Protein backbone atom coordinates (compact mmCIF):
# COMPACT_ATOMS: atom_id res chain seq x y z
CA MET A 1 -4.37 7.96 -22.62
CA SER A 2 -5.29 9.10 -19.20
CA VAL A 3 -6.18 6.82 -16.01
CA GLU A 4 -9.14 7.79 -13.49
CA ILE A 5 -7.34 5.95 -10.23
CA ALA A 6 -3.96 4.18 -9.60
CA ALA A 7 -2.88 2.10 -6.59
CA VAL A 8 0.34 2.65 -5.16
CA ILE A 9 2.11 -0.26 -3.41
CA LEU A 10 5.23 1.01 -1.04
CA ALA A 11 7.56 -2.05 -0.46
CA ALA A 12 10.42 0.43 -0.53
CA GLY A 13 11.82 0.08 2.91
CA ALA A 14 14.26 -2.37 4.28
CA GLY A 15 12.54 -4.19 7.17
CA SER A 16 15.07 -3.74 9.67
CA ARG A 17 12.85 -5.01 12.25
CA PHE A 18 12.61 -8.29 10.93
CA ASP A 19 15.35 -10.62 11.53
CA GLY A 20 14.26 -14.02 9.98
CA THR A 21 15.80 -14.98 6.63
CA GLY A 22 16.01 -12.53 3.50
CA HIS A 23 13.44 -9.41 3.79
CA LYS A 24 10.19 -9.61 5.24
CA LEU A 25 8.36 -9.39 1.88
CA LEU A 26 9.61 -12.25 0.60
CA ALA A 27 8.66 -13.99 3.81
CA ASN A 28 5.88 -16.84 2.88
CA LEU A 29 2.56 -16.96 4.28
CA PRO A 30 0.34 -19.98 4.71
CA GLU A 31 -2.35 -21.03 2.26
CA ARG A 32 -5.60 -19.33 3.56
CA GLU A 33 -9.17 -20.36 3.14
CA ASP A 34 -9.19 -19.93 -0.68
CA GLU A 35 -5.36 -18.71 -1.39
CA PRO A 36 -2.08 -20.71 -2.18
CA SER A 37 0.77 -20.30 -0.11
CA ALA A 38 2.41 -16.75 -1.37
CA SER A 39 5.24 -14.56 -0.21
CA VAL A 40 3.97 -11.31 1.76
CA ILE A 41 4.28 -8.84 -1.07
CA GLU A 42 2.42 -11.48 -3.80
CA ARG A 43 -0.68 -11.71 -1.54
CA SER A 44 -0.63 -8.31 -1.04
CA LEU A 45 -0.42 -7.81 -4.49
CA ASP A 46 -2.65 -10.05 -5.69
CA HIS A 47 -5.29 -8.58 -3.40
CA VAL A 48 -4.71 -4.77 -5.13
CA LEU A 49 -4.62 -6.56 -8.70
CA ALA A 50 -8.18 -8.52 -8.04
CA ALA A 51 -9.68 -4.97 -6.63
CA GLY A 52 -8.91 -3.59 -9.94
CA ILE A 53 -9.57 -0.48 -9.61
CA GLY A 54 -6.81 0.94 -12.00
CA PRO A 55 -2.78 0.58 -12.73
CA VAL A 56 -0.84 -1.09 -9.89
CA LEU A 57 2.62 1.40 -9.31
CA VAL A 58 4.75 -0.44 -6.86
CA VAL A 59 7.19 1.47 -5.16
CA THR A 60 10.71 0.06 -4.42
CA GLY A 61 13.72 1.45 -2.36
CA ALA A 62 15.67 -0.75 0.18
CA VAL A 63 15.71 -3.92 -2.35
CA ASP A 64 15.14 -3.62 -6.02
CA ASP A 65 14.24 -7.15 -7.30
CA VAL A 66 11.67 -7.67 -4.14
CA VAL A 67 8.65 -7.79 -6.96
CA PRO A 68 8.64 -11.17 -7.93
CA ASP A 69 8.85 -12.30 -11.80
CA ARG A 70 5.23 -13.08 -11.82
CA PHE A 71 4.19 -8.95 -11.65
CA ALA A 72 5.90 -7.83 -13.99
CA ASP A 73 3.38 -7.69 -17.01
CA VAL A 74 0.55 -6.56 -14.43
CA VAL A 75 2.32 -3.98 -12.57
CA ASP A 76 5.16 -1.34 -13.06
CA VAL A 77 7.49 -0.69 -10.95
CA HIS A 78 9.57 2.77 -9.60
CA HIS A 79 12.46 2.81 -7.45
CA ASN A 80 12.78 5.59 -4.88
CA PRO A 81 16.83 7.04 -4.67
CA ARG A 82 15.44 8.17 -1.50
CA TRP A 83 13.67 6.23 0.49
CA ALA A 84 15.63 6.32 3.46
CA ASP A 85 14.46 9.74 4.51
CA GLY A 86 11.18 8.01 4.93
CA GLN A 87 8.00 6.57 3.48
CA MET A 88 6.34 10.05 2.43
CA THR A 89 9.82 9.78 -0.27
CA SER A 90 7.80 7.06 -1.71
CA VAL A 91 4.29 8.56 -1.41
CA HIS A 92 5.60 11.01 -3.92
CA VAL A 93 6.94 8.75 -6.23
CA GLY A 94 4.23 7.02 -6.30
CA LEU A 95 1.96 10.36 -7.12
CA ASP A 96 4.42 11.24 -9.49
CA ALA A 97 3.87 7.88 -11.37
CA ALA A 98 0.21 8.47 -10.88
CA ALA A 99 0.34 11.63 -12.41
CA MET A 100 2.30 10.58 -15.22
CA LEU A 101 -0.67 8.38 -16.16
CA GLY A 102 -3.38 11.46 -15.71
CA CYS A 103 -4.71 10.27 -12.54
CA ARG A 104 -7.08 12.60 -10.60
CA ALA A 105 -6.77 9.76 -7.39
CA ALA A 106 -4.49 7.30 -6.07
CA VAL A 107 -5.36 4.39 -3.32
CA ILE A 108 -2.21 3.90 -1.57
CA GLY A 109 -0.79 0.45 0.91
CA LEU A 110 1.91 -0.75 2.17
CA ALA A 111 3.19 -4.45 1.10
CA ASP A 112 3.36 -6.06 4.17
CA GLN A 113 -0.39 -6.12 5.21
CA PRO A 114 -1.39 -8.71 3.27
CA PHE A 115 -4.61 -9.18 4.48
CA ILE A 116 -6.45 -5.67 2.90
CA THR A 117 -8.91 -7.15 1.07
CA PRO A 118 -9.95 -6.78 -2.68
CA ALA A 119 -13.59 -5.69 -1.21
CA ALA A 120 -11.27 -2.81 1.40
CA TRP A 121 -9.78 -1.67 -2.01
CA ARG A 122 -12.47 -0.94 -4.10
CA ALA A 123 -14.37 0.35 -1.28
CA VAL A 124 -11.76 3.20 -0.52
CA ALA A 125 -11.08 3.61 -4.12
CA SER A 126 -14.50 4.56 -4.64
CA ALA A 127 -15.29 7.05 -1.98
CA ASP A 128 -16.17 10.50 -2.77
CA ALA A 129 -13.92 12.66 -0.82
CA PRO A 130 -10.42 14.21 -0.74
CA ILE A 131 -9.26 11.89 1.12
CA ALA A 132 -10.46 8.51 2.19
CA VAL A 133 -9.26 6.34 4.48
CA ALA A 134 -10.49 2.32 5.44
CA THR A 135 -11.49 1.83 8.65
CA TYR A 136 -11.33 -1.84 10.91
CA ASP A 137 -13.25 -1.73 13.86
CA GLY A 138 -13.12 2.15 14.09
CA ARG A 139 -9.74 1.98 13.67
CA ARG A 140 -8.18 3.84 10.52
CA GLY A 141 -5.83 1.70 8.41
CA ASN A 142 -4.80 1.59 4.82
CA PRO A 143 -5.54 1.89 2.31
CA VAL A 144 -5.79 5.09 2.00
CA ARG A 145 -7.00 7.44 -1.32
CA LEU A 146 -5.56 10.72 -1.99
CA ASP A 147 -7.12 13.19 -4.78
CA ALA A 148 -5.40 14.85 -6.48
CA ALA A 149 -6.22 18.31 -5.13
CA VAL A 150 -4.51 16.90 -1.83
CA TRP A 151 -0.99 15.77 -2.96
CA ASP A 152 0.50 19.32 -2.59
CA LEU A 153 -0.56 19.32 0.21
CA LEU A 154 1.45 16.78 1.80
CA ALA A 155 4.93 16.62 3.65
CA ASP A 156 7.80 15.87 1.72
CA THR A 157 9.38 13.62 3.89
CA GLY A 158 8.81 11.58 7.42
CA ASP A 159 7.02 8.60 8.04
CA GLU A 160 3.62 9.28 8.60
CA GLY A 161 2.02 9.32 5.37
CA ALA A 162 -1.22 11.24 4.82
CA ARG A 163 -1.54 10.93 8.64
CA SER A 164 -0.36 14.49 9.95
CA LEU A 165 -3.08 16.12 7.17
CA MET A 166 -5.61 14.57 8.08
CA ARG A 167 -5.00 15.72 11.85
CA VAL A 168 -4.72 19.48 10.65
CA ARG A 169 -7.51 18.85 7.93
CA PRO A 170 -9.70 16.86 9.39
CA ASP A 171 -13.05 18.41 7.11
CA LEU A 172 -11.00 16.51 4.27
CA VAL A 173 -10.83 12.59 5.30
CA ARG A 174 -14.40 10.33 5.49
CA GLU A 175 -13.76 7.30 6.98
CA VAL A 176 -15.14 3.86 5.28
CA PRO A 177 -15.55 0.94 7.33
CA CYS A 178 -13.93 -2.14 6.01
CA THR A 179 -13.58 -5.74 6.48
CA GLY A 180 -10.23 -7.53 6.24
CA SER A 181 -7.43 -6.95 8.65
CA PRO A 182 -4.66 -4.10 8.46
CA ALA A 183 -2.33 -6.05 10.45
CA ASP A 184 1.23 -5.63 8.84
CA ILE A 185 4.15 -7.83 9.15
CA ASP A 186 7.25 -6.27 10.84
CA THR A 187 8.91 -8.81 12.84
CA GLU A 188 9.46 -12.52 12.75
CA GLU A 189 6.71 -13.09 15.47
CA ASP A 190 4.60 -10.90 12.95
CA LEU A 191 5.25 -14.17 10.41
CA ARG A 192 4.85 -16.71 13.32
CA ARG A 193 1.42 -15.63 14.42
CA TRP A 194 0.04 -15.19 11.10
CA GLN A 195 1.62 -18.86 9.52
CA ASN A 196 0.50 -20.67 13.03
CA SER A 197 -3.25 -19.54 12.50
């Protein structure tokens, strides 16, 4: 049985800029508003699951066990053996998994962006365009919805995601204003900023 849209979370990188203990995705974020303390990837996965847009596919690479056990029954994990060749290889692993489910679109986000809200995921998922990209105060960010019709137009390797395609084919792109924050956790300083806010 096919599904319409899948959410793809990219969690394959080594997190080499993070000099804290362990992988950055497993670093702890403090309790915020009505959300309990959680790791970076837990917060990201909680938000995309709460959006309810479709099956959630997580692409891993450098660290196989980065997805906490409590998500074992609610996300599908796909390993990217070529993760070191750039983010686009992980995008393609996610899109291939979405294609196997019969999806007509995939909404792609990053596991190290835990402040993207469920509402942002839903808004981008529901946009009717070949490529839909979230904007925050007028600046493009994640997530990005890619219709199946554009999957073959994407680069095979590199770290730009769909940005290079959006540059050369602006006619395919629709911007979707979103609330929340596209801030990512790349360094220990990023983490401390959010822990102390």
